[in-house]
Amino acid sequence: MKEFTNRVAVVTGGASGIGRAMADRFAAAGMKVVLADVEESALRKAEEEMRAQGAAVLGVLTDVSKAEAVENLAQKTVAAFGGVHIVCNNAGVGGGFGPSWTQPLQNWEWGFGVNLWGVIHGIRTFVPIMLKQEAEGHIVNTASMAGLLSSPFMSVYDATKFAVVTISESLHQELVMQQAKVKVSVLCPGFVNTNIATSDRNRPTQFQPGGEQQFSETEMAFASMMFAGIASGTPPTEIAEKVFTAIQHEQFYIISHPEFLPMVRMRMENILEQRNPESLVSTGLIPNKE
């Protein structure tokens, strides 16, 4: 995609973090931007700030886990700006933590609803619109390094992100087969300084787990490592710049943290050699305090 001026970008999870940074980058390129987010106060604040900076922006309160909400987002986008050229299915939550067998059902339902169904709804709603326009377009689906690597205690999050990667790969192949002008990228960042660690603030009541989870010392050590990585992570603006460059060059895989690629290679070699997965405890990446 080469032309951005007066084109339209939709960014879910657009009120903060990577989403907000992408929205700002698109606006800087002269695009009209639609911010979608479930957190109304942050959404209105972002909308006001971008408008004050001269951006053509629309904020739409959106729960991406609901098909009708994403359809409403598309309708309001087209009504306000006449079309859509970039869609970033970016909204995401942590989804919970702990051993797979102890994770409350609510964690699975909430995590899959936002991280996976949000992407599915975005694809099903926006791709038909973009194809009918017969104009250059781009879909960016936010996965994670957790969509290429498996970790203990993060089965909910990892499962959603692995799914986003393979759905994106399928979508890419399908659009190539149709010789469509709509291209696809999948964003797989490592540690980024966002507020995803506090995403429970937006967890709906029906997905609140009953009772308090108990965590072992090993689990707590792993959680502390993750929180520290996020707190000292890459600024979202750097991720947004990589996304923008990928869109310009029709780059599918966006790997913002190449230092994780040796671990991806190790995983793939384990599969090819039919070896058992590496344990992060056995590799010394997290301490075993049991």
C-alpha atoms as a PDB file:
ATOM      1  CA  MET A   1       0.000   0.000   0.000  1.00  0.00           C
ATOM      2  CA  LYS A   2       1.495   3.302  -1.087  1.00  0.00           C
ATOM      3  CA  GLU A   3      -1.228   5.936  -0.804  1.00  0.00           C
ATOM      4  CA  PHE A   4      -2.312   6.981   2.697  1.00  0.00           C
ATOM      5  CA  THR A   5      -3.553  10.556   2.457  1.00  0.00           C
ATOM      6  CA  ASN A   6      -7.324  10.730   3.057  1.00  0.00           C
ATOM      7  CA  ARG A   7      -7.536   6.949   3.312  1.00  0.00           C
ATOM      8  CA  VAL A   8      -9.320   5.451   6.327  1.00  0.00           C
ATOM      9  CA  ALA A   9      -7.834   3.322   9.105  1.00  0.00           C
ATOM     10  CA  VAL A  10      -9.759   1.446  11.797  1.00  0.00           C
ATOM     11  CA  VAL A  11      -7.868   0.423  14.932  1.00  0.00           C
ATOM     12  CA  THR A  12      -9.444  -1.727  17.629  1.00  0.00           C
ATOM     13  CA  GLY A  13      -7.955  -1.390  21.072  1.00  0.00           C
ATOM     14  CA  GLY A  14      -7.115   2.058  19.761  1.00  0.00           C
ATOM     15  CA  ALA A  15      -7.364   4.085  22.956  1.00  0.00           C
ATOM     16  CA  SER A  16      -4.006   3.050  24.384  1.00  0.00           C
ATOM     17  CA  GLY A  17      -0.829   1.068  23.881  1.00  0.00           C
ATOM     18  CA  ILE A  18       0.077  -0.272  20.456  1.00  0.00           C
ATOM     19  CA  GLY A  19      -3.361   0.611  19.099  1.00  0.00           C
ATOM     20  CA  ARG A  20      -3.078   4.274  20.015  1.00  0.00           C
ATOM     21  CA  ALA A  21       0.452   4.430  18.630  1.00  0.00           C
ATOM     22  CA  MET A  22      -0.704   2.942  15.314  1.00  0.00           C
ATOM     23  CA  ALA A  23      -3.591   5.410  15.190  1.00  0.00           C
ATOM     24  CA  ASP A  24      -1.209   8.326  15.714  1.00  0.00           C
ATOM     25  CA  ARG A  25       1.118   7.018  13.001  1.00  0.00           C
ATOM     26  CA  PHE A  26      -1.730   6.666  10.515  1.00  0.00           C
ATOM     27  CA  ALA A  27      -2.948  10.176  11.321  1.00  0.00           C
ATOM     28  CA  ALA A  28       0.572  11.514  10.795  1.00  0.00           C
ATOM     29  CA  ALA A  29       0.446   9.991   7.295  1.00  0.00           C
ATOM     30  CA  GLY A  30      -2.726  11.951   6.544  1.00  0.00           C
ATOM     31  CA  MET A  31      -5.210   9.168   7.154  1.00  0.00           C
ATOM     32  CA  LYS A  32      -8.638   9.472   8.706  1.00  0.00           C
ATOM     33  CA  VAL A  33      -8.720   7.296  11.803  1.00  0.00           C
ATOM     34  CA  VAL A  34     -11.455   5.397  13.616  1.00  0.00           C
ATOM     35  CA  LEU A  35     -10.600   4.400  17.176  1.00  0.00           C
ATOM     36  CA  ALA A  36     -12.499   1.455  18.631  1.00  0.00           C
ATOM     37  CA  ASP A  37     -12.180   0.519  22.283  1.00  0.00           C
ATOM     38  CA  VAL A  38     -14.207  -0.940  25.141  1.00  0.00           C
ATOM     39  CA  GLU A  39     -12.808   1.525  27.701  1.00  0.00           C
ATOM     40  CA  GLU A  40     -14.937   4.613  27.173  1.00  0.00           C
ATOM     41  CA  SER A  41     -12.987   7.160  29.233  1.00  0.00           C
ATOM     42  CA  ALA A  42      -9.691   6.275  27.544  1.00  0.00           C
ATOM     43  CA  LEU A  43     -11.403   6.258  24.144  1.00  0.00           C
ATOM     44  CA  ARG A  44     -12.842   9.750  24.559  1.00  0.00           C
ATOM     45  CA  LYS A  45      -9.520  11.062  25.853  1.00  0.00           C
ATOM     46  CA  ALA A  46      -7.632   9.622  22.881  1.00  0.00           C
ATOM     47  CA  GLU A  47     -10.225  10.966  20.458  1.00  0.00           C
ATOM     48  CA  GLU A  48      -9.986  14.459  21.950  1.00  0.00           C
ATOM     49  CA  GLU A  49      -6.183  14.433  21.952  1.00  0.00           C
ATOM     50  CA  MET A  50      -5.944  13.325  18.336  1.00  0.00           C
ATOM     51  CA  ARG A  51      -8.542  15.848  17.227  1.00  0.00           C
ATOM     52  CA  ALA A  52      -6.647  18.607  19.033  1.00  0.00           C
ATOM     53  CA  GLN A  53      -3.577  17.593  17.021  1.00  0.00           C
ATOM     54  CA  GLY A  54      -5.530  18.095  13.796  1.00  0.00           C
ATOM     55  CA  ALA A  55      -6.458  14.495  13.017  1.00  0.00           C
ATOM     56  CA  ALA A  56      -9.736  13.505  11.393  1.00  0.00           C
ATOM     57  CA  VAL A  57     -10.812  10.992  14.014  1.00  0.00           C
ATOM     58  CA  LEU A  58     -13.896   9.133  15.183  1.00  0.00           C
ATOM     59  CA  GLY A  59     -14.170   7.138  18.397  1.00  0.00           C
ATOM     60  CA  VAL A  60     -16.595   4.219  18.525  1.00  0.00           C
ATOM     61  CA  LEU A  61     -17.228   2.355  21.777  1.00  0.00           C
ATOM     62  CA  THR A  62     -16.794  -1.282  20.735  1.00  0.00           C
ATOM     63  CA  ASP A  63     -16.701  -4.684  22.414  1.00  0.00           C
ATOM     64  CA  VAL A  64     -14.931  -6.679  19.707  1.00  0.00           C
ATOM     65  CA  SER A  65     -16.056  -9.984  21.219  1.00  0.00           C
ATOM     66  CA  LYS A  66     -19.551  -9.230  19.904  1.00  0.00           C
ATOM     67  CA  ALA A  67     -20.242  -9.493  16.182  1.00  0.00           C
ATOM     68  CA  GLU A  68     -22.947  -6.854  16.268  1.00  0.00           C
ATOM     69  CA  ALA A  69     -20.586  -4.367  17.902  1.00  0.00           C
ATOM     70  CA  VAL A  70     -17.983  -4.818  15.151  1.00  0.00           C
ATOM     71  CA  GLU A  71     -20.696  -4.530  12.509  1.00  0.00           C
ATOM     72  CA  ASN A  72     -21.769  -1.263  14.139  1.00  0.00           C
ATOM     73  CA  LEU A  73     -18.146  -0.110  14.016  1.00  0.00           C
ATOM     74  CA  ALA A  74     -18.010  -0.787  10.284  1.00  0.00           C
ATOM     75  CA  GLN A  75     -21.296   0.990   9.645  1.00  0.00           C
ATOM     76  CA  LYS A  76     -20.191   4.087  11.539  1.00  0.00           C
ATOM     77  CA  THR A  77     -16.826   4.070   9.790  1.00  0.00           C
ATOM     78  CA  VAL A  78     -18.347   3.993   6.316  1.00  0.00           C
ATOM     79  CA  ALA A  79     -21.015   6.538   7.255  1.00  0.00           C
ATOM     80  CA  ALA A  80     -18.416   8.972   8.594  1.00  0.00           C
ATOM     81  CA  PHE A  81     -15.602   8.545   6.079  1.00  0.00           C
ATOM     82  CA  GLY A  82     -17.021   6.677   3.085  1.00  0.00           C
ATOM     83  CA  GLY A  83     -14.893   3.540   3.216  1.00  0.00           C
ATOM     84  CA  VAL A  84     -12.064   1.724   4.967  1.00  0.00           C
ATOM     85  CA  HIS A  85      -8.555   0.895   3.771  1.00  0.00           C
ATOM     86  CA  ILE A  86      -6.603  -0.332   6.807  1.00  0.00           C
ATOM     87  CA  VAL A  87      -8.073  -2.449   9.607  1.00  0.00           C
ATOM     88  CA  CYS A  88      -5.974  -3.272  12.651  1.00  0.00           C
ATOM     89  CA  ASN A  89      -7.602  -6.052  14.648  1.00  0.00           C
ATOM     90  CA  ASN A  90      -5.546  -5.153  17.674  1.00  0.00           C
ATOM     91  CA  ALA A  91      -7.740  -5.305  20.790  1.00  0.00           C
ATOM     92  CA  GLY A  92      -6.394  -7.784  23.303  1.00  0.00           C
ATOM     93  CA  VAL A  93      -6.411  -8.858  26.943  1.00  0.00           C
ATOM     94  CA  GLY A  94      -4.140 -10.989  29.097  1.00  0.00           C
ATOM     95  CA  GLY A  95      -6.888 -13.513  29.652  1.00  0.00           C
ATOM     96  CA  GLY A  96      -5.648 -14.970  32.902  1.00  0.00           C
ATOM     97  CA  PHE A  97      -2.718 -16.915  34.273  1.00  0.00           C
ATOM     98  CA  GLY A  98      -1.909 -20.265  35.821  1.00  0.00           C
ATOM     99  CA  PRO A  99      -1.725 -23.985  34.990  1.00  0.00           C
ATOM    100  CA  SER A 100      -4.057 -25.015  32.185  1.00  0.00           C
ATOM    101  CA  TRP A 101      -6.169 -27.241  34.431  1.00  0.00           C
ATOM    102  CA  THR A 102      -6.694 -24.567  37.106  1.00  0.00           C
ATOM    103  CA  GLN A 103      -7.564 -21.667  34.832  1.00  0.00           C
ATOM    104  CA  PRO A 104     -11.194 -20.734  35.485  1.00  0.00           C
ATOM    105  CA  LEU A 105     -13.565 -21.233  32.578  1.00  0.00           C
ATOM    106  CA  GLN A 106     -14.198 -17.489  32.660  1.00  0.00           C
ATOM    107  CA  ASN A 107     -10.559 -16.869  31.693  1.00  0.00           C
ATOM    108  CA  TRP A 108     -10.914 -19.035  28.606  1.00  0.00           C
ATOM    109  CA  GLU A 109     -14.211 -17.423  27.587  1.00  0.00           C
ATOM    110  CA  TRP A 110     -13.023 -13.852  28.090  1.00  0.00           C
ATOM    111  CA  GLY A 111      -9.596 -14.342  26.512  1.00  0.00           C
ATOM    112  CA  PHE A 112     -10.961 -16.123  23.453  1.00  0.00           C
ATOM    113  CA  GLY A 113     -13.805 -13.619  23.129  1.00  0.00           C
ATOM    114  CA  VAL A 114     -11.515 -10.607  22.808  1.00  0.00           C
ATOM    115  CA  ASN A 115      -8.242 -11.950  21.413  1.00  0.00           C
ATOM    116  CA  LEU A 116      -9.623 -14.466  18.935  1.00  0.00           C
ATOM    117  CA  TRP A 117     -13.265 -13.676  18.224  1.00  0.00           C
ATOM    118  CA  GLY A 118     -12.361  -9.996  17.984  1.00  0.00           C
ATOM    119  CA  VAL A 119     -10.068 -10.814  15.071  1.00  0.00           C
ATOM    120  CA  ILE A 120     -12.604 -13.173  13.505  1.00  0.00           C
ATOM    121  CA  HIS A 121     -15.355 -10.560  13.697  1.00  0.00           C
ATOM    122  CA  GLY A 122     -13.018  -7.959  12.229  1.00  0.00           C
ATOM    123  CA  ILE A 123     -12.153 -10.175   9.270  1.00  0.00           C
ATOM    124  CA  ARG A 124     -15.728 -11.274   8.582  1.00  0.00           C
ATOM    125  CA  THR A 125     -17.043  -7.720   8.805  1.00  0.00           C
ATOM    126  CA  PHE A 126     -14.380  -5.610   7.087  1.00  0.00           C
ATOM    127  CA  VAL A 127     -12.837  -7.833   4.413  1.00  0.00           C
ATOM    128  CA  PRO A 128     -16.039  -7.987   2.285  1.00  0.00           C
ATOM    129  CA  ILE A 129     -16.293  -4.183   2.430  1.00  0.00           C
ATOM    130  CA  MET A 130     -12.667  -3.764   1.427  1.00  0.00           C
ATOM    131  CA  LEU A 131     -12.925  -6.240  -1.451  1.00  0.00           C
ATOM    132  CA  LYS A 132     -15.943  -4.439  -2.893  1.00  0.00           C
ATOM    133  CA  GLN A 133     -14.019  -1.160  -2.899  1.00  0.00           C
ATOM    134  CA  GLU A 134     -11.447  -2.655  -5.327  1.00  0.00           C
ATOM    135  CA  ALA A 135      -8.858  -0.345  -3.776  1.00  0.00           C
ATOM    136  CA  GLU A 136      -5.572  -0.999  -2.012  1.00  0.00           C
ATOM    137  CA  GLY A 137      -6.151  -2.157   1.542  1.00  0.00           C
ATOM    138  CA  HIS A 138      -4.446  -3.895   4.420  1.00  0.00           C
ATOM    139  CA  ILE A 139      -5.472  -6.033   7.390  1.00  0.00           C
ATOM    140  CA  VAL A 140      -3.151  -6.117  10.407  1.00  0.00           C
ATOM    141  CA  ASN A 141      -3.935  -8.765  13.008  1.00  0.00           C
ATOM    142  CA  THR A 142      -2.148  -8.403  16.322  1.00  0.00           C
ATOM    143  CA  ALA A 143      -0.852 -11.742  17.571  1.00  0.00           C
ATOM    144  CA  SER A 144       2.278 -11.972  19.721  1.00  0.00           C
ATOM    145  CA  MET A 145       5.529 -13.838  20.152  1.00  0.00           C
ATOM    146  CA  ALA A 146       3.154 -15.956  22.242  1.00  0.00           C
ATOM    147  CA  GLY A 147       1.625 -16.972  18.909  1.00  0.00           C
ATOM    148  CA  LEU A 148       4.958 -18.484  17.872  1.00  0.00           C
ATOM    149  CA  LEU A 149       6.230 -19.748  21.233  1.00  0.00           C
ATOM    150  CA  SER A 150       4.501 -21.704  23.985  1.00  0.00           C
ATOM    151  CA  SER A 151       5.000 -20.799  27.629  1.00  0.00           C
ATOM    152  CA  PRO A 152       3.861 -22.354  30.889  1.00  0.00           C
ATOM    153  CA  PHE A 153       0.955 -20.772  32.751  1.00  0.00           C
ATOM    154  CA  MET A 154      -0.188 -18.762  29.705  1.00  0.00           C
ATOM    155  CA  SER A 155      -2.249 -21.362  27.861  1.00  0.00           C
ATOM    156  CA  VAL A 156      -5.251 -19.053  27.380  1.00  0.00           C
ATOM    157  CA  TYR A 157      -3.236 -16.200  25.908  1.00  0.00           C
ATOM    158  CA  ASP A 158      -0.943 -18.447  23.886  1.00  0.00           C
ATOM    159  CA  ALA A 159      -3.833 -20.404  22.380  1.00  0.00           C
ATOM    160  CA  THR A 160      -5.568 -17.239  21.200  1.00  0.00           C
ATOM    161  CA  LYS A 161      -2.399 -15.841  19.671  1.00  0.00           C
ATOM    162  CA  PHE A 162      -1.431 -19.076  17.906  1.00  0.00           C
ATOM    163  CA  ALA A 163      -4.922 -19.037  16.417  1.00  0.00           C
ATOM    164  CA  VAL A 164      -4.525 -15.443  15.231  1.00  0.00           C
ATOM    165  CA  VAL A 165      -1.282 -16.354  13.449  1.00  0.00           C
ATOM    166  CA  THR A 166      -2.769 -19.282  11.543  1.00  0.00           C
ATOM    167  CA  ILE A 167      -5.979 -17.413  10.692  1.00  0.00           C
ATOM    168  CA  SER A 168      -3.837 -14.598   9.311  1.00  0.00           C
ATOM    169  CA  GLU A 169      -1.775 -17.054   7.248  1.00  0.00           C
ATOM    170  CA  SER A 170      -4.957 -18.556   5.828  1.00  0.00           C
ATOM    171  CA  LEU A 171      -6.405 -15.127   5.057  1.00  0.00           C
ATOM    172  CA  HIS A 172      -3.195 -14.111   3.291  1.00  0.00           C
ATOM    173  CA  GLN A 173      -3.298 -17.188   1.066  1.00  0.00           C
ATOM    174  CA  GLU A 174      -6.991 -16.741   0.290  1.00  0.00           C
ATOM    175  CA  LEU A 175      -6.560 -13.110  -0.758  1.00  0.00           C
ATOM    176  CA  VAL A 176      -3.528 -13.963  -2.898  1.00  0.00           C
ATOM    177  CA  MET A 177      -5.565 -16.660  -4.647  1.00  0.00           C
ATOM    178  CA  GLN A 178      -8.234 -14.048  -5.391  1.00  0.00           C
ATOM    179  CA  GLN A 179      -5.579 -11.612  -6.645  1.00  0.00           C
ATOM    180  CA  ALA A 180      -7.083  -9.113  -4.255  1.00  0.00           C
ATOM    181  CA  LYS A 181      -5.660  -5.682  -3.600  1.00  0.00           C
ATOM    182  CA  VAL A 182      -6.124  -6.285   0.117  1.00  0.00           C
ATOM    183  CA  LYS A 183      -2.979  -7.503   1.858  1.00  0.00           C
ATOM    184  CA  VAL A 184      -2.394  -8.991   5.316  1.00  0.00           C
ATOM    185  CA  SER A 185       0.155  -8.697   8.104  1.00  0.00           C
ATOM    186  CA  VAL A 186       0.376 -10.460  11.437  1.00  0.00           C
ATOM    187  CA  LEU A 187       2.076  -8.541  14.236  1.00  0.00           C
ATOM    188  CA  CYS A 188       4.052 -10.704  16.678  1.00  0.00           C
ATOM    189  CA  PRO A 189       5.623  -8.403  19.268  1.00  0.00           C
ATOM    190  CA  GLY A 190       7.611  -9.392  22.312  1.00  0.00           C
ATOM    191  CA  PHE A 191       7.630  -7.229  25.415  1.00  0.00           C
ATOM    192  CA  VAL A 192       5.977  -3.835  24.799  1.00  0.00           C
ATOM    193  CA  ASN A 193       5.369  -1.173  27.426  1.00  0.00           C
ATOM    194  CA  THR A 194       1.559  -1.225  27.472  1.00  0.00           C
ATOM    195  CA  ASN A 195      -1.121  -1.678  30.113  1.00  0.00           C
ATOM    196  CA  ILE A 196      -2.055  -5.235  29.077  1.00  0.00           C
ATOM    197  CA  ALA A 197      -0.974  -6.497  32.499  1.00  0.00           C
ATOM    198  CA  THR A 198      -3.920  -4.583  33.980  1.00  0.00           C
ATOM    199  CA  SER A 199      -6.466  -5.593  31.343  1.00  0.00           C
ATOM    200  CA  ASP A 200      -8.639  -7.134  34.065  1.00  0.00           C
ATOM    201  CA  ARG A 201      -9.923  -3.614  34.658  1.00  0.00           C
ATOM    202  CA  ASN A 202     -12.092  -4.155  31.579  1.00  0.00           C
ATOM    203  CA  ARG A 203     -13.186  -7.710  32.374  1.00  0.00           C
ATOM    204  CA  PRO A 204     -17.003  -7.936  32.229  1.00  0.00           C
ATOM    205  CA  THR A 205     -18.865  -9.119  35.296  1.00  0.00           C
ATOM    206  CA  GLN A 206     -19.975 -12.373  33.663  1.00  0.00           C
ATOM    207  CA  PHE A 207     -16.326 -13.335  33.122  1.00  0.00           C
ATOM    208  CA  GLN A 208     -15.191 -12.675  36.684  1.00  0.00           C
ATOM    209  CA  PRO A 209     -13.913 -15.967  38.150  1.00  0.00           C
ATOM    210  CA  GLY A 210     -15.533 -17.101  41.362  1.00  0.00           C
ATOM    211  CA  GLY A 211     -12.976 -17.277  44.170  1.00  0.00           C
ATOM    212  CA  GLU A 212      -9.319 -16.376  44.268  1.00  0.00           C
ATOM    213  CA  GLN A 213      -6.655 -18.356  42.411  1.00  0.00           C
ATOM    214  CA  GLN A 214      -3.677 -19.601  44.395  1.00  0.00           C
ATOM    215  CA  PHE A 215      -0.257 -19.516  42.725  1.00  0.00           C
ATOM    216  CA  SER A 216       2.942 -21.407  43.501  1.00  0.00           C
ATOM    217  CA  GLU A 217       6.318 -19.716  43.925  1.00  0.00           C
ATOM    218  CA  THR A 218       7.386 -20.868  40.458  1.00  0.00           C
ATOM    219  CA  GLU A 219       4.232 -19.421  38.941  1.00  0.00           C
ATOM    220  CA  MET A 220       4.746 -16.143  40.787  1.00  0.00           C
ATOM    221  CA  ALA A 221       8.376 -15.996  39.648  1.00  0.00           C
ATOM    222  CA  PHE A 222       7.276 -16.429  36.038  1.00  0.00           C
ATOM    223  CA  ALA A 223       4.582 -13.747  36.438  1.00  0.00           C
ATOM    224  CA  SER A 224       7.122 -11.339  37.937  1.00  0.00           C
ATOM    225  CA  MET A 225       9.437 -11.922  34.980  1.00  0.00           C
ATOM    226  CA  MET A 226       6.590 -11.175  32.555  1.00  0.00           C
ATOM    227  CA  PHE A 227       5.503  -8.025  34.401  1.00  0.00           C
ATOM    228  CA  ALA A 228       9.083  -6.761  34.489  1.00  0.00           C
ATOM    229  CA  GLY A 229       9.459  -7.418  30.769  1.00  0.00           C
ATOM    230  CA  ILE A 230       6.314  -5.430  29.990  1.00  0.00           C
ATOM    231  CA  ALA A 231       7.304  -2.558  32.289  1.00  0.00           C
ATOM    232  CA  SER A 232      10.681  -2.205  30.575  1.00  0.00           C
ATOM    233  CA  GLY A 233       9.368  -3.114  27.140  1.00  0.00           C
ATOM    234  CA  THR A 234       9.656  -1.396  23.788  1.00  0.00           C
ATOM    235  CA  PRO A 235       7.704   1.878  23.424  1.00  0.00           C
ATOM    236  CA  PRO A 236       4.514   1.343  21.390  1.00  0.00           C
ATOM    237  CA  THR A 237       5.592   4.085  18.968  1.00  0.00           C
ATOM    238  CA  GLU A 238       8.440   1.859  17.761  1.00  0.00           C
ATOM    239  CA  ILE A 239       6.016  -0.990  17.107  1.00  0.00           C
ATOM    240  CA  ALA A 240       3.691   1.342  15.221  1.00  0.00           C
ATOM    241  CA  GLU A 241       6.522   2.442  12.956  1.00  0.00           C
ATOM    242  CA  LYS A 242       7.335  -1.171  12.130  1.00  0.00           C
ATOM    243  CA  VAL A 243       3.673  -1.807  11.340  1.00  0.00           C
ATOM    244  CA  PHE A 244       3.514   1.208   9.037  1.00  0.00           C
ATOM    245  CA  THR A 245       6.657   0.095   7.195  1.00  0.00           C
ATOM    246  CA  ALA A 246       5.264  -3.427   6.840  1.00  0.00           C
ATOM    247  CA  ILE A 247       2.076  -2.066   5.285  1.00  0.00           C
ATOM    248  CA  GLN A 248       4.115  -0.010   2.827  1.00  0.00           C
ATOM    249  CA  HIS A 249       6.136  -3.062   1.790  1.00  0.00           C
ATOM    250  CA  GLU A 250       3.358  -5.694   1.979  1.00  0.00           C
ATOM    251  CA  GLN A 251       5.308  -7.587   4.639  1.00  0.00           C
ATOM    252  CA  PHE A 252       3.320 -10.390   6.249  1.00  0.00           C
ATOM    253  CA  TYR A 253       5.258 -11.301   9.413  1.00  0.00           C
ATOM    254  CA  ILE A 254       6.053  -8.317  11.612  1.00  0.00           C
ATOM    255  CA  ILE A 255       8.670  -9.476  14.114  1.00  0.00           C
ATOM    256  CA  SER A 256       9.459  -6.481  16.274  1.00  0.00           C
ATOM    257  CA  HIS A 257      11.713  -8.383  18.694  1.00  0.00           C
ATOM    258  CA  PRO A 258      14.095 -10.578  16.640  1.00  0.00           C
ATOM    259  CA  GLU A 259      15.933 -11.638  19.794  1.00  0.00           C
ATOM    260  CA  PHE A 260      13.153 -14.198  20.289  1.00  0.00           C
ATOM    261  CA  LEU A 261      13.691 -15.827  16.882  1.00  0.00           C
ATOM    262  CA  PRO A 262      16.286 -18.351  18.130  1.00  0.00           C
ATOM    263  CA  MET A 263      13.595 -19.686  20.474  1.00  0.00           C
ATOM    264  CA  VAL A 264      11.171 -19.910  17.539  1.00  0.00           C
ATOM    265  CA  ARG A 265      13.817 -21.817  15.584  1.00  0.00           C
ATOM    266  CA  MET A 266      14.359 -24.163  18.552  1.00  0.00           C
ATOM    267  CA  ARG A 267      10.628 -24.864  18.716  1.00  0.00           C
ATOM    268  CA  MET A 268      10.419 -25.610  15.002  1.00  0.00           C
ATOM    269  CA  GLU A 269      13.494 -27.850  15.173  1.00  0.00           C
ATOM    270  CA  ASN A 270      11.882 -29.754  18.043  1.00  0.00           C
ATOM    271  CA  ILE A 271       8.838 -30.334  15.844  1.00  0.00           C
ATOM    272  CA  LEU A 272      10.910 -31.411  12.834  1.00  0.00           C
ATOM    273  CA  GLU A 273      13.016 -33.749  14.971  1.00  0.00           C
ATOM    274  CA  GLN A 274       9.968 -34.917  16.956  1.00  0.00           C
ATOM    275  CA  ARG A 275      11.593 -33.909  20.217  1.00  0.00           C
ATOM    276  CA  ASN A 276       9.619 -32.981  23.319  1.00  0.00           C
ATOM    277  CA  PRO A 277       9.093 -29.245  23.908  1.00  0.00           C
ATOM    278  CA  GLU A 278      11.757 -27.447  25.917  1.00  0.00           C
ATOM    279  CA  SER A 279      10.817 -26.515  29.474  1.00  0.00           C
ATOM    280  CA  LEU A 280      11.563 -22.923  30.402  1.00  0.00           C
ATOM    281  CA  VAL A 281      12.469 -24.182  33.880  1.00  0.00           C
ATOM    282  CA  SER A 282      14.957 -26.707  32.490  1.00  0.00           C
ATOM    283  CA  THR A 283      16.560 -24.036  30.290  1.00  0.00           C
ATOM    284  CA  GLY A 284      16.987 -21.786  33.306  1.00  0.00           C
ATOM    285  CA  LEU A 285      14.805 -19.018  31.908  1.00  0.00           C
ATOM    286  CA  ILE A 286      12.696 -19.171  35.065  1.00  0.00           C
ATOM    287  CA  PRO A 287      13.723 -20.528  38.457  1.00  0.00           C
ATOM    288  CA  ASN A 288      12.232 -23.725  39.845  1.00  0.00           C
ATOM    289  CA  LYS A 289      11.237 -22.915  43.406  1.00  0.00           C
ATOM    290  CA  GLU A 290       9.056 -25.947  44.080  1.00  0.00           C
END
